[in-house]
């Protein structure tokens, strides 16, 4: 297997689009060589624990209503082309994602990481749920087959908070400035929401290399 490390944030629309493109390529190549691991990167590491009003956040980030509408208009078009139906207008809050990243980490220990990442994206972008809310995170944990009571105890503590912050900081120190960022075999960096065709080409090239190697 070849390691595919993915840095993302579950409130990043391009990360959801990028994952959807990758998934399409993986589905077309059931024998793909990737072993996937998700890593934390917070778009807003200084966000208040309770999050903030989404409209105020977007207008502050993109220079007013017109800027926010322009950016998210492009995002909506690209998402629709990828087969996603995003409920962008229904999202009320931009959350702090530290706890969501902690849940992704714990899910990884149980081999349920990608399922939880998928559900976080869907909950936020399609169901307009607040993924900073512990109740929402616990529902997702339970759907993933994780022990709800155990996850609740962990969320109520500071367990692995510093681990997530340190891994986020390490990524920035290595030059990551945005997500999604994909790292193939700890060597090749693929930034951004690349189309399925690129991933299919990568998979085919890696498979050919593996088949050519002497056994």
Foldseek 3Di string as FASTA:
>chain_A
DWEKEWEDFLVDLQQVLLVLQQVVLCVVPVPFPYDYDYAYAWPCQPADLAFAFPQVVQCVVQVHDVRSCVVVVVSCVSCVVSVDDFPVVLQTGDHGCLLLRVLLVVCVVVVQNVQSSNVSNCCCGPVNDDVSDLVSSLVSCVVSVHDSVVSVVVSVDCPCSVVRVVRNVVVVVVPDDDDGWMQINVHDIDHTSDGNVVSNVVRVVVVVVVVPDDD
